[in-house]
Every structure is written in structure tokens, then in C-alpha cells.
Amino acid sequence: MGVGVNIGPCDAVSSGGRSVCPMPEGAALEVVVAVASPDTALREDVLARVAAVSQYRSIRYWSDTRERWRELVSEAHALTGSEGVERDDLQVKDLFEGAEFYFAQKENTPAGDVVYRTSVRVNQPDRLVLDVSNALPVRVLGLTFFAPGDYVFHHDFRRMANSTWSYDGTLSIRGCGNFYLRNKAISFASRMAALASYLLGRSPVTPPVRIH
């Protein structure tokens, strides 16, 4: 599994549409994961894992700060809406092309509870594309670090000619300054690698990270 990290400036936007951050705004971080999988039933397996929101608690990642494996989240459950109530896990049949659902998870970071929206962009026999973004502002110590949509996971699965699958995953972050993002780059990369491993049904890995 190859993991790369790019840090660079965001496009200029109005202050009214962005988050408040103690560091300068206008930075972006991108974590890219690429891997091939021999699992011919990968699409169905991925959909089942995405639907089982309560099982997100089983995702583990390597904490570079603490130098040990940790649970990515301590709690996770599906929601009836961005500010809705808890509901049961979804079924694979609910994840048709164009579908959206919300879920909340308690992250093992200062952000704590975060609400996400999962959008099924493409669901075809030879391709599956999912976008997962923060549906509500992400706040730390009373400050809004990320406005809705600042924190986006993009998962793209394609069936190859030999019936194996390729996976390209991207975590894109906007809203805080370059100093903060560069300081946390390896941490974000480890989390993205953990999510990719979970979706692919693989054991979590300590990602080899390239920072640009």
C-alpha cells in the first residue's frame, strides 16, 4: 500500500464561507492511497463494510505520536439525518447509486463527536465511488477548525481487465493553515491508510508516508 501526502495552498475563498482557525487559512492537505486487490467480489464486500456503521469501532490505526496501535473511533452509529437520531446499520441495498446517509462517530482526537455524510457517487458492476465528508462543523476547544465539507474522503474502486480491483483513495482537508496540516500530516495519513485497509478487508498497516 503506497501512501503519499501533498500540502499546498487552497484557492482563495470569502471569509464568510470558511472556518475560523487560529492558524492562517488557505492551506490544503491531500493524502493519496493506491493499491490493487485480487478480491473478485470486492465491490460487494466494500458495500457491506460501509453499511455496517457500528463496526467502524473495529478500525485500528498506527498512532505515530503514541507509537502504538489505537482504535480510530470509540463509538459509531448511523443517523436519520445530519442532526437526526440514531438508527440501525444500513443494508447493502440501501447503498444504491445516488444514495446518501449520515453517521456519527466519537473520534479519538480532540474533535470528539463528528457527523459525516456518505454519498454513493457511482455503484456499477465495474466501479464504486464513495465520498465521505463532514456534514457539520468540526470544533476543537470551541473553535471551528473545519466547515462542512472541508474534510473529504474519496474512495474509488475499479474492476480491472483481469477481474481484480484497483483502489484509489484520497483524503482532502481544507480550512486550517499549512503549519497545522504539516504538523499533523503523518497522523492524517495513518488514519486514511486505516480506512483503506478496513474497506479492502486487509490488516491495518503502518503506512510508508511521502510528504511533499
Foldseek 3Di string as FASTA:
>chain_A
DAKEKEKDFADDDDPVVAFDDPADFGMKMKIKDKDWFQPLCLLVLLLALVQQFQCLQVQWFQDPVVRHIDGQFNGKFWAPDQPGDGDGGGDSVQQAAQHKTKMWTQGPDQQGIFIKMKHFNDDDSFKTKIKIWTQAFGDGPRGGQGHTRQWIKIWIWGQDPVSIIMIMIMTMHGHHDPVVCVVCVLVVNRVNQSVVCSSRVHDGDNHDYHYD
